[in-house]
């Protein structure tokens, strides 16, 4: 009925395949909104599990998901299946990396950013520009957020605006908190841009910022693509080619993810080995190991999240001590 979409737009939406990278506060809203709008296929990519602190702002999840420590992609897919059983939802419990990005995102018509770190955003930006796939950047912390479409060949890219990651200590959901209405607002703006792009209407080349606490909202025209941009100008895809890869701290979690040591782990055997050292809980997706000051979540591909520190050295040491190199 909405003239901006119409029947033809709805058919285009039903034929679309959207990749949502990060199923947290932004991504879980993306997924729910697109599922209800009738997007044909959603690929949900997330490396993390549902934690109690997520429930304040991550709309798809419930207490039972946190109690079971389900991977977010799995919990989201299960919920979406009850919301709209006519679409296809593909959960991918993995860290997005240069080595798997083509396999994970290669069939997407559009990519939505629900991540919490610039490294993954730069990786998405490199891939999208390299392949000519549109994506929509979004970020939110405290009461402030912004959204920006990136359409290769038409708009500037993320590295035109931010040539390098922000320096110094940055506010996170843990240090500054986050109002749940800013995440839903920014996610709504991102999905609205996605609907325009997927139905052939294009997206206005604007950066939208908002602060739900002060009530301030602002739109500015996106700058033109920079000729000397490392990505869309010089086409130097440093992040895509794995030249700038490091363990990352997870927003709002006082945690570090170890993603460099990717060897398959037998979770059953690991459980038996760790039982005498501390409390262990395991499901079919991951194993959680509790120490006095730390909590380790180990996935079957060898990736791990060490909670209780933001020190990469401490996290690596714990991984080596209890999981092995």
C-alpha atoms as a PDB file:
ATOM      1  CA  UNK A   1       0.000   0.000   0.000  1.00  0.00           C
ATOM      2  CA  UNK A   2       2.897   2.399   0.622  1.00  0.00           C
ATOM      3  CA  UNK A   3       3.547   4.170  -2.676  1.00  0.00           C
ATOM      4  CA  UNK A   4       7.277   4.358  -2.108  1.00  0.00           C
ATOM      5  CA  UNK A   5       7.514   0.552  -2.273  1.00  0.00           C
ATOM      6  CA  UNK A   6       4.405  -0.752  -4.033  1.00  0.00           C
ATOM      7  CA  UNK A   7       3.921  -4.275  -5.366  1.00  0.00           C
ATOM      8  CA  UNK A   8       7.043  -4.244  -7.511  1.00  0.00           C
ATOM      9  CA  UNK A   9       9.148  -3.029  -4.611  1.00  0.00           C
ATOM     10  CA  UNK A  10       7.725  -5.772  -2.407  1.00  0.00           C
ATOM     11  CA  UNK A  11       8.675  -8.367  -5.042  1.00  0.00           C
ATOM     12  CA  UNK A  12      12.201  -6.945  -5.162  1.00  0.00           C
ATOM     13  CA  UNK A  13      12.384  -7.121  -1.388  1.00  0.00           C
ATOM     14  CA  UNK A  14      11.191 -10.735  -1.385  1.00  0.00           C
ATOM     15  CA  UNK A  15      13.974 -11.601  -3.838  1.00  0.00           C
ATOM     16  CA  UNK A  16      16.671  -9.776  -1.858  1.00  0.00           C
ATOM     17  CA  UNK A  17      19.439 -11.297   0.207  1.00  0.00           C
ATOM     18  CA  UNK A  18      20.705  -9.132   3.059  1.00  0.00           C
ATOM     19  CA  UNK A  19      23.729  -9.816   5.245  1.00  0.00           C
ATOM     20  CA  UNK A  20      23.555  -8.429   8.775  1.00  0.00           C
ATOM     21  CA  UNK A  21      26.995  -8.355  10.389  1.00  0.00           C
ATOM     22  CA  UNK A  22      26.625  -8.211  14.148  1.00  0.00           C
ATOM     23  CA  UNK A  23      23.382  -9.260  15.846  1.00  0.00           C
ATOM     24  CA  UNK A  24      23.574  -6.979  18.856  1.00  0.00           C
ATOM     25  CA  UNK A  25      21.584  -3.834  19.555  1.00  0.00           C
ATOM     26  CA  UNK A  26      21.611  -2.626  15.957  1.00  0.00           C
ATOM     27  CA  UNK A  27      21.706  -5.940  14.129  1.00  0.00           C
ATOM     28  CA  UNK A  28      18.938  -7.643  16.083  1.00  0.00           C
ATOM     29  CA  UNK A  29      16.660  -4.722  15.228  1.00  0.00           C
ATOM     30  CA  UNK A  30      17.741  -4.864  11.566  1.00  0.00           C
ATOM     31  CA  UNK A  31      16.865  -8.543  11.442  1.00  0.00           C
ATOM     32  CA  UNK A  32      13.458  -8.186  13.074  1.00  0.00           C
ATOM     33  CA  UNK A  33      12.440  -5.223  10.914  1.00  0.00           C
ATOM     34  CA  UNK A  34      13.540  -6.836   7.645  1.00  0.00           C
ATOM     35  CA  UNK A  35      11.926 -10.164   8.541  1.00  0.00           C
ATOM     36  CA  UNK A  36       8.630  -8.425   9.190  1.00  0.00           C
ATOM     37  CA  UNK A  37       9.024  -6.409   5.971  1.00  0.00           C
ATOM     38  CA  UNK A  38       9.397  -9.618   3.950  1.00  0.00           C
ATOM     39  CA  UNK A  39      13.084  -9.603   2.963  1.00  0.00           C
ATOM     40  CA  UNK A  40      13.591 -12.933   1.239  1.00  0.00           C
ATOM     41  CA  UNK A  41      16.800 -14.098   2.885  1.00  0.00           C
ATOM     42  CA  UNK A  42      18.735 -12.848   5.901  1.00  0.00           C
ATOM     43  CA  UNK A  43      22.288 -13.982   6.630  1.00  0.00           C
ATOM     44  CA  UNK A  44      22.968 -13.281  10.320  1.00  0.00           C
ATOM     45  CA  UNK A  45      26.664 -13.100  11.158  1.00  0.00           C
ATOM     46  CA  UNK A  46      27.781 -12.860  14.783  1.00  0.00           C
ATOM     47  CA  UNK A  47      30.662 -14.237  16.837  1.00  0.00           C
ATOM     48  CA  UNK A  48      29.152 -13.595  20.279  1.00  0.00           C
ATOM     49  CA  UNK A  49      26.640 -15.172  22.650  1.00  0.00           C
ATOM     50  CA  UNK A  50      23.631 -13.692  24.464  1.00  0.00           C
ATOM     51  CA  UNK A  51      24.575 -12.153  27.805  1.00  0.00           C
ATOM     52  CA  UNK A  52      22.248 -10.807  30.496  1.00  0.00           C
ATOM     53  CA  UNK A  53      23.491  -7.259  29.897  1.00  0.00           C
ATOM     54  CA  UNK A  54      22.307  -7.479  26.266  1.00  0.00           C
ATOM     55  CA  UNK A  55      18.634  -7.702  27.196  1.00  0.00           C
ATOM     56  CA  UNK A  56      18.394  -3.989  27.965  1.00  0.00           C
ATOM     57  CA  UNK A  57      18.710  -3.057  24.282  1.00  0.00           C
ATOM     58  CA  UNK A  58      18.835  -6.158  22.037  1.00  0.00           C
ATOM     59  CA  UNK A  59      15.201  -6.645  21.169  1.00  0.00           C
ATOM     60  CA  UNK A  60      15.177 -10.185  19.771  1.00  0.00           C
ATOM     61  CA  UNK A  61      16.505 -11.923  22.874  1.00  0.00           C
ATOM     62  CA  UNK A  62      14.936 -13.163  26.084  1.00  0.00           C
ATOM     63  CA  UNK A  63      16.153 -14.288  29.503  1.00  0.00           C
ATOM     64  CA  UNK A  64      16.204 -17.928  28.425  1.00  0.00           C
ATOM     65  CA  UNK A  65      18.651 -17.089  25.621  1.00  0.00           C
ATOM     66  CA  UNK A  66      21.020 -15.506  28.154  1.00  0.00           C
ATOM     67  CA  UNK A  67      20.542 -18.387  30.592  1.00  0.00           C
ATOM     68  CA  UNK A  68      21.553 -20.868  27.882  1.00  0.00           C
ATOM     69  CA  UNK A  69      24.294 -18.536  26.558  1.00  0.00           C
ATOM     70  CA  UNK A  70      23.050 -19.157  23.024  1.00  0.00           C
ATOM     71  CA  UNK A  71      25.034 -17.685  20.148  1.00  0.00           C
ATOM     72  CA  UNK A  72      23.243 -14.521  19.074  1.00  0.00           C
ATOM     73  CA  UNK A  73      22.912 -15.658  15.469  1.00  0.00           C
ATOM     74  CA  UNK A  74      21.193 -18.887  16.578  1.00  0.00           C
ATOM     75  CA  UNK A  75      18.876 -17.191  19.066  1.00  0.00           C
ATOM     76  CA  UNK A  76      17.955 -14.545  16.499  1.00  0.00           C
ATOM     77  CA  UNK A  77      17.268 -17.113  13.772  1.00  0.00           C
ATOM     78  CA  UNK A  78      15.000 -19.114  16.074  1.00  0.00           C
ATOM     79  CA  UNK A  79      12.994 -16.029  16.991  1.00  0.00           C
ATOM     80  CA  UNK A  80      12.734 -14.846  13.384  1.00  0.00           C
ATOM     81  CA  UNK A  81      11.436 -18.258  12.363  1.00  0.00           C
ATOM     82  CA  UNK A  82       8.475 -17.647  14.678  1.00  0.00           C
ATOM     83  CA  UNK A  83       7.982 -14.114  13.343  1.00  0.00           C
ATOM     84  CA  UNK A  84       7.987 -14.899   9.612  1.00  0.00           C
ATOM     85  CA  UNK A  85       8.291 -18.523   8.548  1.00  0.00           C
ATOM     86  CA  UNK A  86       8.077 -17.637   4.843  1.00  0.00           C
ATOM     87  CA  UNK A  87      11.576 -16.174   4.628  1.00  0.00           C
ATOM     88  CA  UNK A  88      14.979 -17.872   4.819  1.00  0.00           C
ATOM     89  CA  UNK A  89      17.206 -17.070   7.787  1.00  0.00           C
ATOM     90  CA  UNK A  90      20.791 -18.316   7.743  1.00  0.00           C
ATOM     91  CA  UNK A  91      22.663 -17.989  11.080  1.00  0.00           C
ATOM     92  CA  UNK A  92      26.460 -17.842  10.832  1.00  0.00           C
ATOM     93  CA  UNK A  93      28.212 -18.217  14.184  1.00  0.00           C
ATOM     94  CA  UNK A  94      31.602 -16.862  13.193  1.00  0.00           C
ATOM     95  CA  UNK A  95      33.935 -13.940  13.341  1.00  0.00           C
ATOM     96  CA  UNK A  96      33.970 -12.094  10.020  1.00  0.00           C
ATOM     97  CA  UNK A  97      37.538 -12.276   8.716  1.00  0.00           C
ATOM     98  CA  UNK A  98      39.402 -11.708   5.455  1.00  0.00           C
ATOM     99  CA  UNK A  99      39.565 -15.474   4.974  1.00  0.00           C
ATOM    100  CA  UNK A 100      35.805 -16.114   5.243  1.00  0.00           C
ATOM    101  CA  UNK A 101      34.224 -12.843   4.135  1.00  0.00           C
ATOM    102  CA  UNK A 102      33.651 -13.867   0.530  1.00  0.00           C
ATOM    103  CA  UNK A 103      31.988 -17.109   1.590  1.00  0.00           C
ATOM    104  CA  UNK A 104      29.826 -15.348   4.180  1.00  0.00           C
ATOM    105  CA  UNK A 105      28.874 -12.181   2.286  1.00  0.00           C
ATOM    106  CA  UNK A 106      29.440 -13.140  -1.343  1.00  0.00           C
ATOM    107  CA  UNK A 107      25.777 -13.577  -2.294  1.00  0.00           C
ATOM    108  CA  UNK A 108      24.428 -10.512  -0.456  1.00  0.00           C
ATOM    109  CA  UNK A 109      22.647  -7.708  -2.311  1.00  0.00           C
ATOM    110  CA  UNK A 110      23.262  -5.399   0.640  1.00  0.00           C
ATOM    111  CA  UNK A 111      25.209  -5.435   3.912  1.00  0.00           C
ATOM    112  CA  UNK A 112      23.995  -3.877   7.167  1.00  0.00           C
ATOM    113  CA  UNK A 113      26.516  -2.897   9.821  1.00  0.00           C
ATOM    114  CA  UNK A 114      25.601  -3.997  13.330  1.00  0.00           C
ATOM    115  CA  UNK A 115      29.200  -4.291  14.543  1.00  0.00           C
ATOM    116  CA  UNK A 116      30.913  -2.697  17.520  1.00  0.00           C
ATOM    117  CA  UNK A 117      34.438  -2.061  16.230  1.00  0.00           C
ATOM    118  CA  UNK A 118      36.147  -0.181  13.421  1.00  0.00           C
ATOM    119  CA  UNK A 119      38.316  -3.107  12.331  1.00  0.00           C
ATOM    120  CA  UNK A 120      35.297  -5.107  11.167  1.00  0.00           C
ATOM    121  CA  UNK A 121      33.682  -2.016   9.645  1.00  0.00           C
ATOM    122  CA  UNK A 122      36.817  -1.305   7.622  1.00  0.00           C
ATOM    123  CA  UNK A 123      36.826  -4.932   6.511  1.00  0.00           C
ATOM    124  CA  UNK A 124      33.195  -4.618   5.365  1.00  0.00           C
ATOM    125  CA  UNK A 125      34.016  -1.324   3.662  1.00  0.00           C
ATOM    126  CA  UNK A 126      36.971  -2.848   1.796  1.00  0.00           C
ATOM    127  CA  UNK A 127      34.881  -5.806   0.684  1.00  0.00           C
ATOM    128  CA  UNK A 128      31.856  -3.726  -0.347  1.00  0.00           C
ATOM    129  CA  UNK A 129      33.934  -1.282  -2.383  1.00  0.00           C
ATOM    130  CA  UNK A 130      35.950  -4.104  -3.956  1.00  0.00           C
ATOM    131  CA  UNK A 131      32.785  -6.002  -4.969  1.00  0.00           C
ATOM    132  CA  UNK A 132      30.531  -3.012  -5.660  1.00  0.00           C
ATOM    133  CA  UNK A 133      27.969  -3.996  -3.004  1.00  0.00           C
ATOM    134  CA  UNK A 134      26.077  -1.277  -1.060  1.00  0.00           C
ATOM    135  CA  UNK A 135      26.267  -1.251   2.714  1.00  0.00           C
ATOM    136  CA  UNK A 136      24.891   0.923   5.514  1.00  0.00           C
ATOM    137  CA  UNK A 137      27.141   2.047   8.360  1.00  0.00           C
ATOM    138  CA  UNK A 138      25.679   2.674  11.808  1.00  0.00           C
ATOM    139  CA  UNK A 139      26.998   3.329  15.302  1.00  0.00           C
ATOM    140  CA  UNK A 140      25.505   4.234  18.672  1.00  0.00           C
ATOM    141  CA  UNK A 141      26.781   4.774  22.208  1.00  0.00           C
ATOM    142  CA  UNK A 142      25.359   6.579  25.229  1.00  0.00           C
ATOM    143  CA  UNK A 143      22.514   8.648  23.693  1.00  0.00           C
ATOM    144  CA  UNK A 144      24.223   9.510  20.395  1.00  0.00           C
ATOM    145  CA  UNK A 145      24.433   7.717  17.074  1.00  0.00           C
ATOM    146  CA  UNK A 146      24.813   8.093  13.335  1.00  0.00           C
ATOM    147  CA  UNK A 147      23.910   6.327  10.098  1.00  0.00           C
ATOM    148  CA  UNK A 148      25.409   6.604   6.607  1.00  0.00           C
ATOM    149  CA  UNK A 149      24.878   4.704   3.352  1.00  0.00           C
ATOM    150  CA  UNK A 150      27.877   3.629   1.285  1.00  0.00           C
ATOM    151  CA  UNK A 151      27.081   2.938  -2.368  1.00  0.00           C
ATOM    152  CA  UNK A 152      30.293   2.166  -4.257  1.00  0.00           C
ATOM    153  CA  UNK A 153      30.755   4.417  -7.260  1.00  0.00           C
ATOM    154  CA  UNK A 154      28.105   6.872  -6.046  1.00  0.00           C
ATOM    155  CA  UNK A 155      28.984   7.992  -2.511  1.00  0.00           C
ATOM    156  CA  UNK A 156      32.083   8.347  -0.398  1.00  0.00           C
ATOM    157  CA  UNK A 157      33.125   5.265   1.553  1.00  0.00           C
ATOM    158  CA  UNK A 158      33.814   4.890   5.269  1.00  0.00           C
ATOM    159  CA  UNK A 159      37.539   5.537   4.888  1.00  0.00           C
ATOM    160  CA  UNK A 160      36.854   8.772   3.014  1.00  0.00           C
ATOM    161  CA  UNK A 161      35.228   9.994   6.241  1.00  0.00           C
ATOM    162  CA  UNK A 162      37.477   8.141   8.702  1.00  0.00           C
ATOM    163  CA  UNK A 163      40.833   7.427   6.994  1.00  0.00           C
ATOM    164  CA  UNK A 164      42.088   5.860  10.249  1.00  0.00           C
ATOM    165  CA  UNK A 165      40.330   4.481  13.331  1.00  0.00           C
ATOM    166  CA  UNK A 166      39.696   7.053  16.069  1.00  0.00           C
ATOM    167  CA  UNK A 167      42.759   7.442  18.281  1.00  0.00           C
ATOM    168  CA  UNK A 168      42.888   7.394  22.054  1.00  0.00           C
ATOM    169  CA  UNK A 169      40.333   6.072  24.512  1.00  0.00           C
ATOM    170  CA  UNK A 170      36.851   5.965  22.991  1.00  0.00           C
ATOM    171  CA  UNK A 171      33.515   5.738  24.846  1.00  0.00           C
ATOM    172  CA  UNK A 172      31.943   2.293  24.793  1.00  0.00           C
ATOM    173  CA  UNK A 173      28.638   0.865  25.916  1.00  0.00           C
ATOM    174  CA  UNK A 174      30.375  -0.265  29.107  1.00  0.00           C
ATOM    175  CA  UNK A 175      32.080   3.009  30.006  1.00  0.00           C
ATOM    176  CA  UNK A 176      29.400   5.419  28.815  1.00  0.00           C
ATOM    177  CA  UNK A 177      26.291   3.239  28.883  1.00  0.00           C
ATOM    178  CA  UNK A 178      23.720   3.247  26.111  1.00  0.00           C
ATOM    179  CA  UNK A 179      20.079   4.324  25.974  1.00  0.00           C
ATOM    180  CA  UNK A 180      18.091   1.645  24.179  1.00  0.00           C
ATOM    181  CA  UNK A 181      16.151   4.187  22.143  1.00  0.00           C
ATOM    182  CA  UNK A 182      19.278   5.429  20.345  1.00  0.00           C
ATOM    183  CA  UNK A 183      20.107   1.937  19.110  1.00  0.00           C
ATOM    184  CA  UNK A 184      16.570   1.377  17.830  1.00  0.00           C
ATOM    185  CA  UNK A 185      16.522   4.818  16.185  1.00  0.00           C
ATOM    186  CA  UNK A 186      19.838   4.335  14.367  1.00  0.00           C
ATOM    187  CA  UNK A 187      18.867   0.795  13.364  1.00  0.00           C
ATOM    188  CA  UNK A 188      15.555   2.116  11.990  1.00  0.00           C
ATOM    189  CA  UNK A 189      17.397   4.703   9.911  1.00  0.00           C
ATOM    190  CA  UNK A 190      19.704   2.003   8.570  1.00  0.00           C
ATOM    191  CA  UNK A 191      16.822  -0.300   7.642  1.00  0.00           C
ATOM    192  CA  UNK A 192      14.979   2.573   5.970  1.00  0.00           C
ATOM    193  CA  UNK A 193      18.046   3.218   3.795  1.00  0.00           C
ATOM    194  CA  UNK A 194      18.259  -0.509   3.080  1.00  0.00           C
ATOM    195  CA  UNK A 195      14.607  -0.630   1.974  1.00  0.00           C
ATOM    196  CA  UNK A 196      15.195   2.233  -0.452  1.00  0.00           C
ATOM    197  CA  UNK A 197      18.289   0.590  -1.923  1.00  0.00           C
ATOM    198  CA  UNK A 198      16.711  -2.878  -2.185  1.00  0.00           C
ATOM    199  CA  UNK A 199      13.619  -1.534  -3.940  1.00  0.00           C
ATOM    200  CA  UNK A 200      15.647   0.413  -6.489  1.00  0.00           C
ATOM    201  CA  UNK A 201      15.042   3.896  -5.080  1.00  0.00           C
ATOM    202  CA  UNK A 202      18.648   4.561  -4.103  1.00  0.00           C
ATOM    203  CA  UNK A 203      19.646   6.302  -0.915  1.00  0.00           C
ATOM    204  CA  UNK A 204      20.096   9.998  -0.155  1.00  0.00           C
ATOM    205  CA  UNK A 205      23.825  10.738   0.250  1.00  0.00           C
ATOM    206  CA  UNK A 206      23.539  12.100   3.756  1.00  0.00           C
ATOM    207  CA  UNK A 207      25.048  11.428   7.155  1.00  0.00           C
ATOM    208  CA  UNK A 208      22.383  11.480   9.857  1.00  0.00           C
ATOM    209  CA  UNK A 209      23.286  12.057  13.496  1.00  0.00           C
ATOM    210  CA  UNK A 210      20.959  12.039  16.489  1.00  0.00           C
ATOM    211  CA  UNK A 211      21.051  12.435  20.240  1.00  0.00           C
ATOM    212  CA  UNK A 212      17.884  11.104  21.853  1.00  0.00           C
ATOM    213  CA  UNK A 213      18.709  12.698  25.219  1.00  0.00           C
ATOM    214  CA  UNK A 214      19.086  16.258  23.963  1.00  0.00           C
ATOM    215  CA  UNK A 215      16.625  15.785  21.108  1.00  0.00           C
ATOM    216  CA  UNK A 216      19.147  17.075  18.574  1.00  0.00           C
ATOM    217  CA  UNK A 217      19.071  15.646  15.068  1.00  0.00           C
ATOM    218  CA  UNK A 218      21.203  16.703  12.121  1.00  0.00           C
ATOM    219  CA  UNK A 219      21.750  15.741   8.525  1.00  0.00           C
ATOM    220  CA  UNK A 220      24.706  16.766   6.413  1.00  0.00           C
ATOM    221  CA  UNK A 221      25.503  15.932   2.825  1.00  0.00           C
ATOM    222  CA  UNK A 222      28.093  13.204   2.479  1.00  0.00           C
ATOM    223  CA  UNK A 223      31.380  14.516   1.159  1.00  0.00           C
ATOM    224  CA  UNK A 224      32.424  13.448  -2.316  1.00  0.00           C
ATOM    225  CA  UNK A 225      34.620  10.386  -2.610  1.00  0.00           C
ATOM    226  CA  UNK A 226      38.193  11.403  -1.796  1.00  0.00           C
ATOM    227  CA  UNK A 227      40.645  10.864  -4.642  1.00  0.00           C
ATOM    228  CA  UNK A 228      43.353   9.920  -2.140  1.00  0.00           C
ATOM    229  CA  UNK A 229      41.100   7.603  -0.086  1.00  0.00           C
ATOM    230  CA  UNK A 230      43.109   4.433   0.631  1.00  0.00           C
ATOM    231  CA  UNK A 231      40.060   2.300  -0.209  1.00  0.00           C
ATOM    232  CA  UNK A 232      37.816   3.735  -2.929  1.00  0.00           C
ATOM    233  CA  UNK A 233      40.440   6.142  -4.302  1.00  0.00           C
ATOM    234  CA  UNK A 234      43.688   4.183  -4.380  1.00  0.00           C
ATOM    235  CA  UNK A 235      41.917   0.808  -4.005  1.00  0.00           C
ATOM    236  CA  UNK A 236      44.345  -0.411  -1.372  1.00  0.00           C
ATOM    237  CA  UNK A 237      42.287  -2.977   0.514  1.00  0.00           C
ATOM    238  CA  UNK A 238      44.482  -3.376   3.602  1.00  0.00           C
ATOM    239  CA  UNK A 239      41.755  -4.842   5.790  1.00  0.00           C
ATOM    240  CA  UNK A 240      40.421  -7.195   3.124  1.00  0.00           C
ATOM    241  CA  UNK A 241      43.885  -8.588   2.492  1.00  0.00           C
ATOM    242  CA  UNK A 242      44.443  -9.167   6.212  1.00  0.00           C
ATOM    243  CA  UNK A 243      47.234  -6.653   6.649  1.00  0.00           C
ATOM    244  CA  UNK A 244      45.617  -4.942   9.648  1.00  0.00           C
ATOM    245  CA  UNK A 245      44.253  -7.688  11.868  1.00  0.00           C
ATOM    246  CA  UNK A 246      44.410  -7.927  15.660  1.00  0.00           C
ATOM    247  CA  UNK A 247      42.437  -9.311  18.606  1.00  0.00           C
ATOM    248  CA  UNK A 248      39.630  -6.920  19.468  1.00  0.00           C
ATOM    249  CA  UNK A 249      37.947  -5.769  22.646  1.00  0.00           C
ATOM    250  CA  UNK A 250      34.185  -6.230  22.644  1.00  0.00           C
ATOM    251  CA  UNK A 251      32.008  -3.186  23.276  1.00  0.00           C
ATOM    252  CA  UNK A 252      30.268  -3.228  26.627  1.00  0.00           C
ATOM    253  CA  UNK A 253      31.674  -6.593  27.658  1.00  0.00           C
ATOM    254  CA  UNK A 254      35.063  -5.945  29.357  1.00  0.00           C
ATOM    255  CA  UNK A 255      36.240  -8.735  27.098  1.00  0.00           C
ATOM    256  CA  UNK A 256      38.755  -9.624  24.407  1.00  0.00           C
ATOM    257  CA  UNK A 257      38.140 -11.934  21.490  1.00  0.00           C
ATOM    258  CA  UNK A 258      40.979 -14.211  20.401  1.00  0.00           C
ATOM    259  CA  UNK A 259      40.468 -14.927  16.718  1.00  0.00           C
ATOM    260  CA  UNK A 260      44.020 -15.580  15.525  1.00  0.00           C
ATOM    261  CA  UNK A 261      44.229 -19.191  16.686  1.00  0.00           C
ATOM    262  CA  UNK A 262      41.674 -20.862  14.488  1.00  0.00           C
ATOM    263  CA  UNK A 263      42.011 -24.616  15.029  1.00  0.00           C
ATOM    264  CA  UNK A 264      39.023 -26.872  15.611  1.00  0.00           C
ATOM    265  CA  UNK A 265      38.392 -27.731  19.254  1.00  0.00           C
ATOM    266  CA  UNK A 266      36.595 -30.816  20.531  1.00  0.00           C
ATOM    267  CA  UNK A 267      34.363 -29.176  23.122  1.00  0.00           C
ATOM    268  CA  UNK A 268      33.573 -32.460  24.845  1.00  0.00           C
ATOM    269  CA  UNK A 269      37.239 -33.263  25.384  1.00  0.00           C
ATOM    270  CA  UNK A 270      37.944 -29.714  26.508  1.00  0.00           C
ATOM    271  CA  UNK A 271      35.101 -29.943  29.024  1.00  0.00           C
ATOM    272  CA  UNK A 272      36.623 -33.065  30.601  1.00  0.00           C
ATOM    273  CA  UNK A 273      40.025 -31.391  30.783  1.00  0.00           C
ATOM    274  CA  UNK A 274      38.709 -28.231  32.465  1.00  0.00           C
ATOM    275  CA  UNK A 275      36.206 -29.745  34.901  1.00  0.00           C
ATOM    276  CA  UNK A 276      38.827 -30.220  37.604  1.00  0.00           C
ATOM    277  CA  UNK A 277      39.970 -26.597  37.275  1.00  0.00           C
ATOM    278  CA  UNK A 278      36.702 -24.700  37.531  1.00  0.00           C
ATOM    279  CA  UNK A 279      33.029 -24.552  36.631  1.00  0.00           C
ATOM    280  CA  UNK A 280      32.247 -25.596  33.052  1.00  0.00           C
ATOM    281  CA  UNK A 281      29.040 -25.295  31.058  1.00  0.00           C
ATOM    282  CA  UNK A 282      28.697 -26.570  27.521  1.00  0.00           C
ATOM    283  CA  UNK A 283      26.039 -26.631  24.830  1.00  0.00           C
ATOM    284  CA  UNK A 284      26.235 -27.697  21.199  1.00  0.00           C
ATOM    285  CA  UNK A 285      27.649 -24.338  20.160  1.00  0.00           C
ATOM    286  CA  UNK A 286      30.207 -23.320  22.776  1.00  0.00           C
ATOM    287  CA  UNK A 287      31.830 -24.069  26.122  1.00  0.00           C
ATOM    288  CA  UNK A 288      31.975 -21.619  29.021  1.00  0.00           C
ATOM    289  CA  UNK A 289      34.701 -21.921  31.650  1.00  0.00           C
ATOM    290  CA  UNK A 290      34.469 -19.871  34.858  1.00  0.00           C
ATOM    291  CA  UNK A 291      37.518 -18.789  36.838  1.00  0.00           C
ATOM    292  CA  UNK A 292      37.555 -16.510  39.918  1.00  0.00           C
ATOM    293  CA  UNK A 293      38.254 -13.358  37.896  1.00  0.00           C
ATOM    294  CA  UNK A 294      37.535 -14.420  34.328  1.00  0.00           C
ATOM    295  CA  UNK A 295      35.042 -16.180  32.112  1.00  0.00           C
ATOM    296  CA  UNK A 296      36.121 -17.919  28.912  1.00  0.00           C
ATOM    297  CA  UNK A 297      33.763 -18.843  26.090  1.00  0.00           C
ATOM    298  CA  UNK A 298      35.330 -21.184  23.555  1.00  0.00           C
ATOM    299  CA  UNK A 299      33.743 -21.964  20.184  1.00  0.00           C
ATOM    300  CA  UNK A 300      34.274 -25.133  18.176  1.00  0.00           C
ATOM    301  CA  UNK A 301      36.423 -23.348  15.592  1.00  0.00           C
ATOM    302  CA  UNK A 302      38.977 -22.401  18.269  1.00  0.00           C
ATOM    303  CA  UNK A 303      37.874 -18.806  18.636  1.00  0.00           C
ATOM    304  CA  UNK A 304      37.440 -17.604  22.213  1.00  0.00           C
ATOM    305  CA  UNK A 305      36.058 -14.668  24.163  1.00  0.00           C
ATOM    306  CA  UNK A 306      37.828 -13.927  27.448  1.00  0.00           C
ATOM    307  CA  UNK A 307      35.670 -11.828  29.747  1.00  0.00           C
ATOM    308  CA  UNK A 308      37.101  -9.919  32.697  1.00  0.00           C
ATOM    309  CA  UNK A 309      39.886  -8.052  30.914  1.00  0.00           C
ATOM    310  CA  UNK A 310      40.542  -5.705  28.025  1.00  0.00           C
ATOM    311  CA  UNK A 311      44.266  -6.525  28.080  1.00  0.00           C
ATOM    312  CA  UNK A 312      45.109  -8.537  24.963  1.00  0.00           C
ATOM    313  CA  UNK A 313      48.223  -9.959  26.628  1.00  0.00           C
ATOM    314  CA  UNK A 314      46.228 -11.277  29.594  1.00  0.00           C
ATOM    315  CA  UNK A 315      43.616 -12.757  27.249  1.00  0.00           C
ATOM    316  CA  UNK A 316      46.253 -14.477  25.118  1.00  0.00           C
ATOM    317  CA  UNK A 317      47.929 -15.852  28.242  1.00  0.00           C
ATOM    318  CA  UNK A 318      44.680 -17.337  29.552  1.00  0.00           C
ATOM    319  CA  UNK A 319      43.958 -18.876  26.175  1.00  0.00           C
ATOM    320  CA  UNK A 320      47.393 -20.475  26.028  1.00  0.00           C
ATOM    321  CA  UNK A 321      47.161 -21.725  29.597  1.00  0.00           C
ATOM    322  CA  UNK A 322      43.746 -23.356  29.420  1.00  0.00           C
ATOM    323  CA  UNK A 323      43.068 -23.991  25.737  1.00  0.00           C
ATOM    324  CA  UNK A 324      46.540 -24.337  24.294  1.00  0.00           C
ATOM    325  CA  UNK A 325      48.256 -22.590  21.405  1.00  0.00           C
END
